[in-house]
C-alpha cells in the first residue's frame, strides 16, 4: 500500500513537472513570436550606395598590413571622408568586399541576391540601345529588371516596410519597367531613371535639363533648378524630408540611397574645391575628390537626421560602392587610381572590383533589442571574402522575410561576419563575368577562391598580356604584378576547372564567335 502510494505520488509530481515545462515552452514560443512580430519594432534598413567609389577613395584605411592592422596609403591621406570614419569607428568594415566591375550588374545583384552571371545583366545598361558589344551574348538582359522580378524592395514592401529610392537607378533601359524604381517595389522614387550618369551636378544647369546632356537630366528636382544647390546636396535634402515623413507614420523603412556621385562628369563641388587646390593633382582628379567629400557630407547629414528623428538606434546602415574606382588618375590597368591595387572600374584587376563596405547601427546602443540580435563590434576589420549579392539574404533573414522558392539566391548571409567572427561555412569565392566589349577589359571572367585568382580572356588582347590566362596568388602578390599562369600549370588548370563549373552552375551566357554566333566557352589550359 505504501509502495503504491509513493508510486502514484511520483507519477503525479512528474505530470505536474511536464505541464510546467510544457507551459514554459509555449510561453517561450509566444515570446519569440512577439519579438519577431510586435514587441520588438522591426529595424529600419539603409543601403547607402556610392557610384564608382573604390576601396581606396576614402580617408578610412581598408587594406591591412601583414599583422592584419589597418595600413594607410597615400590616397587615404588625399581624400577627406570624416563621416565614413565616424561610421567605421562604430561598426565593422570589410577589406575583401567585391562588386561587379560595372554599375548595373551590381545594382541588380543587390536587388536580387544573384550574381550577374546568373541574372544576365552583365554590362552597364545603355538607356537607349542594346550595348552588348560586337561579340557579346545576344540574350543578355539589356532591358533590365521587370515588374514581376523578385527584388529586395518588393519583398520588404510586402512585409510592411515603406520603401524609398533616392538617386541613381540604372536598373533598366528607357521605356522598359526597370527604368522606374517604382515598378520594382519602391513606394517613393526620387531622381531614379534609366541612365547612370547625371546630365550635370549643378543646380544652375538644372541638373542637365536644357543642356546638351538633357537626355541624362536628373528628374524630380525642379525646386532646385536655377539655384546653387549641388546635386549631392539636393538628393540629401530630399532624403531628409522623406525620412521625416515616414517616421511620422511609425512604419519601418528601407532607404536605398544611391548617389550619382562620384560618377562622371567630374563637376567640381564648390563647397570643397579649396581643400584640393594645393594637392598637385590634375583638375579632374581634384573635382573627383570634391565629389567624394560631398558624398561623405551627405552620409553624415543623413546619420544626423536619423538621430534627430529618434530612429538611429533602430536603423542598420550598409555603406558600399558599386564597382572599383573611376578616379581620373593613370591608366585603367596600372597601379594608379586605386593604388596600391591595380586597375580601376571595368578592369579585371582588384582595383576594378574591390569596394568599401561598412556595416553599423546608425547609433550603437547595446540595450536596443535589435542590436542585441545583431551585435556589430566597433572599429574592426573583417578579412573574409564577401560580395554585393550577400546583402539580399542578410537583410531578409534578419527581418524574417521568406524568399519565394522559385527565386535562386547566390548570396550568403553575412550575419556571422558582421559580428566580427570568422565563418568557416562560407566559401572564399568570388565570380565576376563580363562577356562584353568595348570597355577597359573586354570579354573576360575572373574567379577567386581563397588566395588564388584566375582571369580568363575569351578574346585575348594586349591588355590581357597576350594570353587567355592570368593567375595570381593574392596573399603573396596582392597587387597582381606576377602572372603565374605559365609557372603554375597545375594550379591554373585547377582554377579553370572551378571557373568553368561555376559558370555552368550559374547558367552563364558567353561571348559568341563572329561567323557562327556560337558561344565561346572557356577552355582548359
Protein backbone atom coordinates (compact mmCIF):
# COMPACT_ATOMS: atom_id res chain seq x y z
CA UNK A 1 0.00 0.00 0.00
CA UNK A 2 2.76 2.38 0.97
CA UNK A 3 4.74 1.47 -2.13
CA UNK A 4 1.74 2.05 -4.41
CA UNK A 5 1.11 5.40 -2.72
CA UNK A 6 4.67 6.53 -3.30
CA UNK A 7 4.49 5.49 -6.94
CA UNK A 8 1.28 7.41 -7.56
CA UNK A 9 2.73 10.48 -5.86
CA UNK A 10 5.74 10.18 -8.10
CA UNK A 11 3.53 9.96 -11.18
CA UNK A 12 1.58 12.99 -10.05
CA UNK A 13 4.73 15.02 -9.48
CA UNK A 14 6.11 14.01 -12.87
CA UNK A 15 2.86 15.04 -14.56
CA UNK A 16 2.96 18.42 -12.87
CA UNK A 17 6.55 18.91 -13.91
CA UNK A 18 5.67 18.03 -17.51
CA UNK A 19 2.82 20.54 -17.53
CA UNK A 20 5.06 23.25 -16.12
CA UNK A 21 7.77 22.56 -18.69
CA UNK A 22 5.20 22.41 -21.47
CA UNK A 23 3.68 25.73 -20.44
CA UNK A 24 7.13 27.28 -20.26
CA UNK A 25 7.90 26.10 -23.79
CA UNK A 26 4.64 27.59 -25.04
CA UNK A 27 5.48 30.89 -23.35
CA UNK A 28 8.94 30.83 -24.91
CA UNK A 29 7.49 30.31 -28.39
CA UNK A 30 4.93 33.05 -27.80
CA UNK A 31 7.64 35.38 -26.60
CA UNK A 32 9.69 34.60 -29.69
CA UNK A 33 6.69 35.38 -31.88
CA UNK A 34 6.17 38.67 -30.07
CA UNK A 35 9.82 39.58 -30.52
CA UNK A 36 9.57 38.87 -34.22
CA UNK A 37 6.18 40.46 -34.85
CA UNK A 38 5.27 43.07 -32.26
CA UNK A 39 7.32 43.53 -29.13
CA UNK A 40 10.49 44.41 -30.98
CA UNK A 41 9.94 47.08 -33.60
CA UNK A 42 11.35 45.95 -36.97
CA UNK A 43 14.70 47.57 -37.75
CA UNK A 44 14.97 50.26 -40.38
CA UNK A 45 17.43 49.50 -43.18
CA UNK A 46 19.63 51.97 -45.05
CA UNK A 47 21.69 50.91 -48.07
CA UNK A 48 23.99 53.84 -48.86
CA UNK A 49 25.43 53.11 -52.30
CA UNK A 50 28.11 55.29 -53.92
CA UNK A 51 28.69 55.21 -57.67
CA UNK A 52 32.22 54.45 -58.93
CA UNK A 53 33.79 54.53 -55.46
CA UNK A 54 36.62 52.06 -54.97
CA UNK A 55 38.13 50.79 -51.76
CA UNK A 56 40.92 53.42 -51.81
CA UNK A 57 38.74 56.51 -52.41
CA UNK A 58 38.50 57.38 -48.72
CA UNK A 59 40.41 58.51 -45.67
CA UNK A 60 39.34 55.25 -43.99
CA UNK A 61 42.07 52.60 -44.41
CA UNK A 62 40.56 49.32 -45.57
CA UNK A 63 43.75 47.49 -46.54
CA UNK A 64 45.85 45.87 -43.82
CA UNK A 65 49.48 45.07 -43.11
CA UNK A 66 50.97 41.62 -42.53
CA UNK A 67 49.63 41.62 -38.95
CA UNK A 68 46.08 42.43 -40.04
CA UNK A 69 46.22 46.04 -38.83
CA UNK A 70 44.83 48.90 -40.93
CA UNK A 71 47.50 50.34 -43.20
CA UNK A 72 47.32 53.82 -44.66
CA UNK A 73 48.40 54.59 -48.21
CA UNK A 74 48.86 57.99 -49.89
CA UNK A 75 45.30 58.02 -51.28
CA UNK A 76 43.93 57.65 -47.74
CA UNK A 77 45.61 60.94 -46.92
CA UNK A 78 44.34 62.64 -50.08
CA UNK A 79 40.61 62.02 -49.62
CA UNK A 80 38.59 63.63 -46.81
CA UNK A 81 35.76 61.43 -45.50
CA UNK A 82 35.09 62.12 -41.80
CA UNK A 83 31.56 60.68 -41.91
CA UNK A 84 32.91 57.38 -43.23
CA UNK A 85 35.44 57.47 -40.41
CA UNK A 86 32.58 58.02 -37.97
CA UNK A 87 30.61 55.08 -39.35
CA UNK A 88 33.66 52.81 -39.46
CA UNK A 89 34.54 53.58 -35.83
CA UNK A 90 31.12 52.43 -34.67
CA UNK A 91 30.90 49.37 -36.91
CA UNK A 92 32.74 46.80 -38.99
CA UNK A 93 34.40 47.23 -42.37
CA UNK A 94 35.37 44.54 -44.89
CA UNK A 95 38.63 44.68 -46.84
CA UNK A 96 37.80 41.86 -49.27
CA UNK A 97 34.35 43.00 -50.33
CA UNK A 98 33.56 42.66 -54.03
CA UNK A 99 31.18 44.22 -56.52
CA UNK A 100 30.77 43.62 -60.23
CA UNK A 101 33.22 45.77 -62.18
CA UNK A 102 30.50 47.96 -63.72
CA UNK A 103 27.37 49.51 -62.22
CA UNK A 104 24.09 47.97 -63.46
CA UNK A 105 25.20 44.38 -62.74
CA UNK A 106 25.99 45.31 -59.13
CA UNK A 107 22.75 47.21 -58.61
CA UNK A 108 20.69 44.30 -59.90
CA UNK A 109 22.72 41.89 -57.76
CA UNK A 110 21.84 43.92 -54.66
CA UNK A 111 18.18 43.85 -55.60
CA UNK A 112 18.03 40.14 -56.48
CA UNK A 113 20.73 38.43 -54.40
CA UNK A 114 22.08 36.88 -57.59
CA UNK A 115 25.50 37.02 -59.18
CA UNK A 116 25.47 38.85 -62.51
CA UNK A 117 26.48 35.62 -64.25
CA UNK A 118 23.05 34.28 -63.24
CA UNK A 119 20.78 37.31 -63.63
CA UNK A 120 22.40 38.02 -67.06
CA UNK A 121 22.50 41.82 -66.78
CA UNK A 122 26.24 41.59 -67.25
CA UNK A 123 27.00 45.06 -68.63
CA UNK A 124 26.11 48.63 -67.74
CA UNK A 125 22.73 49.32 -69.30
CA UNK A 126 22.66 51.84 -72.12
CA UNK A 127 19.32 53.67 -71.73
CA UNK A 128 18.54 53.75 -75.43
CA UNK A 129 20.13 50.73 -77.12
CA UNK A 130 21.48 47.23 -76.68
CA UNK A 131 25.18 47.67 -75.90
CA UNK A 132 26.20 44.02 -75.84
CA UNK A 133 29.28 44.69 -77.98
CA UNK A 134 30.29 43.06 -81.29
CA UNK A 135 30.58 39.57 -79.80
CA UNK A 136 28.51 39.89 -76.64
CA UNK A 137 25.78 37.35 -75.83
CA UNK A 138 22.60 38.20 -77.79
CA UNK A 139 20.37 37.06 -74.91
CA UNK A 140 21.88 39.25 -72.19
CA UNK A 141 19.33 41.13 -70.09
CA UNK A 142 19.86 44.59 -71.53
CA UNK A 143 16.24 45.64 -70.84
CA UNK A 144 16.95 45.27 -67.10
CA UNK A 145 14.64 44.29 -64.28
CA UNK A 146 10.96 43.66 -64.96
CA UNK A 147 7.86 44.20 -62.83
CA UNK A 148 7.49 40.52 -61.98
CA UNK A 149 11.13 40.06 -60.93
CA UNK A 150 11.71 39.34 -57.25
CA UNK A 151 13.52 42.30 -55.67
CA UNK A 152 14.67 43.26 -52.19
CA UNK A 153 12.46 46.36 -52.24
CA UNK A 154 9.41 44.36 -53.31
CA UNK A 155 9.81 41.78 -50.54
CA UNK A 156 10.33 44.45 -47.89
CA UNK A 157 7.33 46.36 -49.21
CA UNK A 158 5.17 43.26 -48.81
CA UNK A 159 6.46 42.93 -45.24
CA UNK A 160 5.06 46.36 -44.42
CA UNK A 161 8.16 48.47 -44.98
CA UNK A 162 7.94 51.92 -46.52
CA UNK A 163 10.49 51.70 -49.35
CA UNK A 164 12.35 54.81 -50.52
CA UNK A 165 14.60 55.09 -53.58
CA UNK A 166 16.81 58.15 -53.88
CA UNK A 167 19.31 58.90 -56.64
CA UNK A 168 20.66 56.68 -59.36
CA UNK A 169 18.50 53.79 -60.53
CA UNK A 170 20.01 52.31 -63.72
CA UNK A 171 18.02 49.10 -63.27
CA UNK A 172 16.63 49.09 -66.82
CA UNK A 173 16.67 50.76 -70.21
CA UNK A 174 14.41 53.67 -71.16
CA UNK A 175 10.80 52.67 -71.97
CA UNK A 176 11.19 49.43 -70.00
CA UNK A 177 9.77 48.84 -66.49
CA UNK A 178 13.19 48.84 -64.79
CA UNK A 179 13.73 52.47 -65.76
CA UNK A 180 11.34 53.48 -62.97
CA UNK A 181 12.19 52.14 -59.49
CA UNK A 182 8.51 52.50 -58.56
CA UNK A 183 7.90 49.41 -60.72
CA UNK A 184 10.37 47.38 -58.65
CA UNK A 185 8.92 47.68 -55.17
CA UNK A 186 9.70 51.26 -54.14
CA UNK A 187 6.89 53.37 -52.68
CA UNK A 188 8.89 56.54 -53.34
CA UNK A 189 11.24 57.27 -56.23
CA UNK A 190 13.31 60.43 -56.04
CA UNK A 191 15.57 61.07 -59.07
CA UNK A 192 15.83 57.46 -60.25
CA UNK A 193 15.80 56.87 -64.01
CA UNK A 194 17.26 54.68 -66.75
CA UNK A 195 20.66 56.35 -67.01
CA UNK A 196 23.72 56.10 -64.81
CA UNK A 197 25.50 59.43 -65.29
CA UNK A 198 23.79 62.74 -64.41
CA UNK A 199 23.42 65.45 -67.02
CA UNK A 200 25.06 67.86 -64.60
CA UNK A 201 25.69 68.16 -60.87
CA UNK A 202 24.88 71.87 -60.94
CA UNK A 203 21.51 73.30 -59.97
CA UNK A 204 22.38 76.34 -62.08
CA UNK A 205 22.33 73.98 -65.07
CA UNK A 206 19.09 72.32 -63.92
CA UNK A 207 21.00 69.05 -63.44
CA UNK A 208 21.29 68.74 -67.21
CA UNK A 209 17.85 69.88 -68.34
CA UNK A 210 18.14 72.26 -71.30
CA UNK A 211 21.77 71.34 -71.97
CA UNK A 212 23.47 69.03 -74.46
CA UNK A 213 23.09 66.29 -71.82
CA UNK A 214 19.34 66.75 -71.43
CA UNK A 215 18.82 63.02 -72.10
CA UNK A 216 20.51 62.49 -68.71
CA UNK A 217 18.75 65.30 -66.85
CA UNK A 218 18.07 64.16 -63.28
CA UNK A 219 14.28 64.13 -62.69
CA UNK A 220 12.11 65.23 -59.73
CA UNK A 221 14.36 68.08 -58.57
CA UNK A 222 12.68 71.07 -60.25
CA UNK A 223 12.53 73.04 -56.99
CA UNK A 224 16.34 73.33 -57.05
CA UNK A 225 16.62 74.41 -60.70
CA UNK A 226 18.47 77.67 -61.10
CA UNK A 227 19.90 77.51 -57.59
CA UNK A 228 23.42 76.91 -56.31
CA UNK A 229 22.34 73.58 -54.82
CA UNK A 230 24.76 70.85 -55.86
CA UNK A 231 23.11 67.57 -56.93
CA UNK A 232 24.51 65.61 -53.99
CA UNK A 233 23.06 68.18 -51.58
CA UNK A 234 19.67 68.26 -53.35
CA UNK A 235 19.37 64.48 -53.03
CA UNK A 236 20.33 64.71 -49.36
CA UNK A 237 17.71 67.36 -48.64
CA UNK A 238 15.05 65.28 -50.36
CA UNK A 239 16.13 62.21 -48.38
CA UNK A 240 15.90 64.04 -45.07
CA UNK A 241 12.38 65.17 -45.96
CA UNK A 242 11.33 61.65 -47.00
CA UNK A 243 12.68 60.24 -43.72
CA UNK A 244 10.80 62.84 -41.68
CA UNK A 245 7.58 61.90 -43.49
CA UNK A 246 7.91 58.16 -42.94
CA UNK A 247 8.86 58.46 -39.27
CA UNK A 248 5.53 60.21 -38.68
CA UNK A 249 3.75 57.07 -39.91
CA UNK A 250 5.60 54.85 -37.41
CA UNK A 251 6.27 52.33 -40.19
CA UNK A 252 9.69 50.70 -40.62
CA UNK A 253 11.52 51.96 -43.67
CA UNK A 254 14.00 50.77 -46.26
CA UNK A 255 16.08 53.61 -47.68
CA UNK A 256 18.09 52.84 -50.79
CA UNK A 257 20.27 55.94 -51.01
CA UNK A 258 22.14 55.68 -54.31
CA UNK A 259 24.13 58.81 -55.08
CA UNK A 260 25.02 59.73 -58.65
CA UNK A 261 28.32 60.82 -57.16
CA UNK A 262 31.05 60.08 -57.81
CA UNK A 263 30.31 59.19 -61.44
CA UNK A 264 31.48 61.40 -64.29
CA UNK A 265 31.00 64.18 -65.37
CA UNK A 266 33.58 65.31 -62.86
CA UNK A 267 31.87 68.56 -61.90
CA UNK A 268 33.72 70.12 -59.00
CA UNK A 269 31.63 70.60 -55.87
CA UNK A 270 32.41 74.24 -54.98
CA UNK A 271 31.83 73.59 -51.28
CA UNK A 272 35.05 71.57 -51.10
CA UNK A 273 37.20 72.74 -54.03
CA UNK A 274 39.64 74.69 -51.85
CA UNK A 275 40.60 71.51 -49.97
CA UNK A 276 42.42 70.11 -53.02
CA UNK A 277 43.89 73.09 -54.85
CA UNK A 278 47.34 72.56 -53.37
CA UNK A 279 47.33 68.78 -53.90
CA UNK A 280 49.30 68.92 -57.14
CA UNK A 281 46.81 66.55 -58.78
CA UNK A 282 45.08 67.25 -62.13
CA UNK A 283 41.93 69.37 -62.09
CA UNK A 284 39.69 66.39 -62.88
CA UNK A 285 41.19 64.40 -60.02
CA UNK A 286 40.58 67.35 -57.71
CA UNK A 287 36.96 67.50 -58.87
CA UNK A 288 36.61 63.77 -58.20
CA UNK A 289 37.84 64.33 -54.65
CA UNK A 290 35.21 67.06 -54.10
CA UNK A 291 32.54 64.60 -55.21
CA UNK A 292 33.86 62.11 -52.65
CA UNK A 293 33.78 64.70 -49.88
CA UNK A 294 30.29 65.85 -50.86
CA UNK A 295 29.04 62.27 -50.74
CA UNK A 296 30.63 61.91 -47.31
CA UNK A 297 28.89 65.04 -46.04
CA UNK A 298 25.62 63.53 -47.23
CA UNK A 299 26.30 60.40 -45.20
CA UNK A 300 26.91 62.49 -42.09
CA UNK A 301 23.80 64.60 -42.68
CA UNK A 302 21.62 61.50 -43.00
CA UNK A 303 23.10 59.94 -39.86
CA UNK A 304 22.35 63.22 -38.05
CA UNK A 305 18.80 63.23 -39.40
CA UNK A 306 18.18 59.68 -38.20
CA UNK A 307 19.38 60.76 -34.77
CA UNK A 308 17.23 63.90 -34.74
CA UNK A 309 14.18 61.83 -35.68
CA UNK A 310 14.84 59.42 -32.81
CA UNK A 311 15.26 56.32 -35.00
CA UNK A 312 19.05 55.97 -35.26
CA UNK A 313 19.35 53.22 -32.64
CA UNK A 314 16.95 51.06 -34.60
CA UNK A 315 18.48 51.72 -38.04
CA UNK A 316 21.01 49.38 -39.64
CA UNK A 317 23.29 51.04 -42.20
CA UNK A 318 25.18 49.34 -45.03
CA UNK A 319 27.65 51.58 -46.87
CA UNK A 320 29.28 50.39 -50.11
CA UNK A 321 30.48 51.24 -53.61
CA UNK A 322 29.04 49.72 -56.79
CA UNK A 323 32.35 48.97 -58.58
CA UNK A 324 36.00 49.90 -58.45
CA UNK A 325 37.29 53.43 -58.52
CA UNK A 326 36.97 55.63 -61.59
CA UNK A 327 39.24 58.37 -60.27
CA UNK A 328 40.94 60.13 -63.24
CA UNK A 329 44.41 59.05 -62.17
CA UNK A 330 46.51 56.91 -64.51
CA UNK A 331 45.87 54.03 -66.91
CA UNK A 332 42.99 51.66 -66.22
CA UNK A 333 45.29 48.64 -65.83
CA UNK A 334 48.05 50.36 -63.90
CA UNK A 335 48.64 50.85 -60.20
CA UNK A 336 47.26 54.37 -60.12
CA UNK A 337 43.71 55.39 -59.21
CA UNK A 338 43.32 52.58 -56.64
CA UNK A 339 46.99 52.41 -55.61
CA UNK A 340 48.41 50.17 -54.32
CA UNK A 341 45.77 47.98 -56.03
CA UNK A 342 45.99 47.54 -59.77
CA UNK A 343 43.27 48.63 -62.18
CA UNK A 344 40.08 50.67 -62.00
CA UNK A 345 36.37 50.46 -62.81
CA UNK A 346 35.71 47.98 -65.60
CA UNK A 347 39.05 46.23 -65.26
CA UNK A 348 39.63 42.58 -64.39
CA UNK A 349 42.09 43.54 -61.64
CA UNK A 350 41.30 44.06 -57.95
CA UNK A 351 41.06 47.83 -58.34
CA UNK A 352 38.08 47.28 -60.63
CA UNK A 353 36.09 45.11 -58.21
CA UNK A 354 37.11 45.79 -54.61
CA UNK A 355 34.85 48.33 -52.93
CA UNK A 356 34.43 49.83 -49.47
CA UNK A 357 31.87 48.11 -47.27
CA UNK A 358 30.88 49.26 -43.78
CA UNK A 359 28.06 47.88 -41.64
CA UNK A 360 26.99 49.66 -38.46
CA UNK A 361 24.00 50.67 -36.41
CA UNK A 362 23.37 54.36 -37.03
CA UNK A 363 23.74 54.88 -33.28
CA UNK A 364 25.10 51.96 -31.26
CA UNK A 365 23.15 51.04 -28.12
CA UNK A 366 23.74 47.57 -26.64
CA UNK A 367 20.36 47.74 -24.88
CA UNK A 368 18.41 48.08 -28.12
CA UNK A 369 16.52 44.85 -28.79
CA UNK A 370 17.51 44.60 -32.45
CA UNK A 371 21.13 45.41 -31.69
CA UNK A 372 21.10 42.52 -29.22
CA UNK A 373 20.07 40.28 -32.11
CA UNK A 374 22.90 41.58 -34.32
CA UNK A 375 25.84 42.72 -32.23
CA UNK A 376 28.19 44.60 -34.55
CA UNK A 377 31.54 45.32 -32.89
CA UNK A 378 33.16 48.74 -33.12
CA UNK A 379 36.06 49.73 -35.35
CA UNK A 380 37.26 46.35 -36.60
CA UNK A 381 38.13 44.89 -39.99
CA UNK A 382 36.65 41.67 -41.35
CA UNK A 383 39.02 39.96 -43.80
CA UNK A 384 36.82 37.17 -45.18
CA UNK A 385 35.56 37.47 -48.74
CA UNK A 386 32.03 38.76 -49.31
CA UNK A 387 30.14 40.39 -52.17
CA UNK A 388 27.21 42.60 -53.10
CA UNK A 389 24.74 39.73 -53.59
CA UNK A 390 25.15 38.85 -49.90
CA UNK A 391 23.11 41.88 -48.81
CA UNK A 392 19.85 40.38 -50.09
CA UNK A 393 19.74 37.25 -47.88
CA UNK A 394 21.33 39.07 -44.93
CA UNK A 395 18.67 41.78 -44.75
CA UNK A 396 15.74 39.48 -45.43
CA UNK A 397 16.80 36.84 -42.89
CA UNK A 398 17.35 39.43 -40.17
CA UNK A 399 13.90 40.91 -40.73
CA UNK A 400 12.24 37.49 -41.07
CA UNK A 401 11.21 37.61 -44.73
CA UNK A 402 11.00 34.39 -46.71
CA UNK A 403 12.30 34.31 -50.27
CA UNK A 404 9.98 32.64 -52.80
CA UNK A 405 11.03 29.08 -53.60
CA UNK A 406 11.31 29.81 -57.32
CA UNK A 407 13.95 32.52 -56.79
CA UNK A 408 17.56 31.34 -56.73
CA UNK A 409 19.79 33.28 -54.33
CA UNK A 410 23.57 33.21 -54.81
CA UNK A 411 24.29 35.48 -51.87
CA UNK A 412 25.24 34.07 -48.48
CA UNK A 413 24.19 35.59 -45.16
CA UNK A 414 26.70 37.92 -43.56
CA UNK A 415 25.33 37.72 -40.02
CA UNK A 416 28.30 35.83 -38.54
CA UNK A 417 30.84 38.02 -40.33
CA UNK A 418 29.04 41.16 -39.17
CA UNK A 419 29.67 40.16 -35.56
CA UNK A 420 33.41 40.11 -36.27
CA UNK A 421 33.71 36.33 -36.08
CA UNK A 422 35.07 34.04 -38.80
CA UNK A 423 32.54 31.93 -40.68
CA UNK A 424 34.06 28.60 -41.66
CA UNK A 425 30.91 27.62 -43.55
CA UNK A 426 31.49 30.31 -46.20
CA UNK A 427 33.44 29.57 -49.36
CA UNK A 428 36.06 32.24 -50.08
CA UNK A 429 34.86 32.58 -53.67
CA UNK A 430 34.00 35.46 -55.99
CA UNK A 431 32.92 35.18 -59.63
CA UNK A 432 32.93 38.19 -61.96
CA UNK A 433 31.74 37.71 -65.54
CA UNK A 434 31.91 40.36 -68.27
CA UNK A 435 31.18 38.92 -71.75
CA UNK A 436 31.07 42.32 -73.47
CA UNK A 437 33.09 44.94 -75.34
CA UNK A 438 34.26 47.65 -75.82
CA UNK A 439 35.39 48.55 -72.34
CA UNK A 440 38.52 48.75 -70.24
CA UNK A 441 38.68 44.97 -70.08
CA UNK A 442 36.82 43.01 -72.73
CA UNK A 443 35.23 39.55 -72.78
CA UNK A 444 36.60 38.19 -69.51
CA UNK A 445 35.71 36.14 -66.45
CA UNK A 446 37.56 36.31 -63.15
CA UNK A 447 37.29 33.71 -60.41
CA UNK A 448 38.76 33.94 -56.92
CA UNK A 449 38.98 31.02 -54.49
CA UNK A 450 40.87 31.78 -51.31
CA UNK A 451 44.21 33.35 -52.13
CA UNK A 452 44.16 32.29 -55.78
CA UNK A 453 42.64 34.30 -58.61
CA UNK A 454 42.38 33.34 -62.27
CA UNK A 455 41.38 35.61 -65.16
CA UNK A 456 40.17 34.04 -68.40
CA UNK A 457 40.13 36.09 -71.61
CA UNK A 458 37.76 34.80 -74.27
CA UNK A 459 39.44 37.01 -76.90
CA UNK A 460 43.00 37.85 -75.79
CA UNK A 461 44.41 41.32 -76.35
CA UNK A 462 47.46 43.31 -75.32
CA UNK A 463 45.62 44.28 -72.13
CA UNK A 464 45.36 40.59 -71.20
CA UNK A 465 49.13 40.18 -71.50
CA UNK A 466 48.61 38.41 -74.84
CA UNK A 467 47.22 35.31 -73.13
CA UNK A 468 43.98 33.52 -72.42
CA UNK A 469 45.02 33.13 -68.78
CA UNK A 470 46.30 35.18 -65.88
CA UNK A 471 46.91 33.64 -62.46
CA UNK A 472 47.73 35.48 -59.25
CA UNK A 473 48.33 34.48 -55.64
CA UNK A 474 46.77 37.42 -53.80
CA UNK A 475 48.30 36.68 -50.40
CA UNK A 476 51.83 36.86 -51.78
CA UNK A 477 51.06 39.25 -54.64
CA UNK A 478 48.07 41.42 -53.58
CA UNK A 479 48.77 44.00 -56.27
CA UNK A 480 48.78 41.49 -59.16
CA UNK A 481 52.23 42.05 -60.58
CA UNK A 482 53.39 38.45 -61.08
CA UNK A 483 51.35 36.36 -63.53
CA UNK A 484 51.90 32.71 -62.55
CA UNK A 485 49.90 31.15 -65.38
CA UNK A 486 52.92 29.61 -67.10
CA UNK A 487 54.85 28.59 -63.96
CA UNK A 488 51.93 27.04 -62.04
CA UNK A 489 50.19 24.91 -64.69
CA UNK A 490 48.54 22.50 -62.22
CA UNK A 491 47.11 25.33 -60.14
CA UNK A 492 45.96 27.13 -63.29
CA UNK A 493 44.15 24.04 -64.52
CA UNK A 494 42.50 23.52 -61.12
CA UNK A 495 41.29 27.12 -61.01
CA UNK A 496 39.99 26.95 -64.57
CA UNK A 497 38.09 23.75 -63.78
CA UNK A 498 36.42 25.54 -60.89
CA UNK A 499 35.71 28.63 -63.02
CA UNK A 500 34.06 26.53 -65.71
CA UNK A 501 31.98 24.61 -63.16
CA UNK A 502 30.87 27.84 -61.51
CA UNK A 503 29.85 29.34 -64.85
CA UNK A 504 27.78 26.29 -65.71
CA UNK A 505 26.15 26.28 -62.27
CA UNK A 506 25.15 29.93 -62.75
CA UNK A 507 23.84 29.21 -66.27
CA UNK A 508 26.05 32.00 -67.56
CA UNK A 509 25.92 33.47 -71.05
CA UNK A 510 29.08 33.62 -73.17
CA UNK A 511 30.54 35.81 -75.91
CA UNK A 512 29.97 34.41 -79.38
CA UNK A 513 32.06 33.65 -82.43
CA UNK A 514 31.78 36.28 -85.13
CA UNK A 515 30.98 33.96 -88.02
CA UNK A 516 28.78 31.30 -86.42
CA UNK A 517 27.35 33.16 -83.42
CA UNK A 518 28.14 30.06 -81.34
CA UNK A 519 29.07 30.54 -77.66
CA UNK A 520 32.76 30.96 -76.90
CA UNK A 521 33.01 28.90 -73.73
CA UNK A 522 36.17 28.95 -71.60
CA UNK A 523 38.74 26.26 -72.31
CA UNK A 524 41.10 24.40 -70.04
CA UNK A 525 44.82 25.13 -70.48
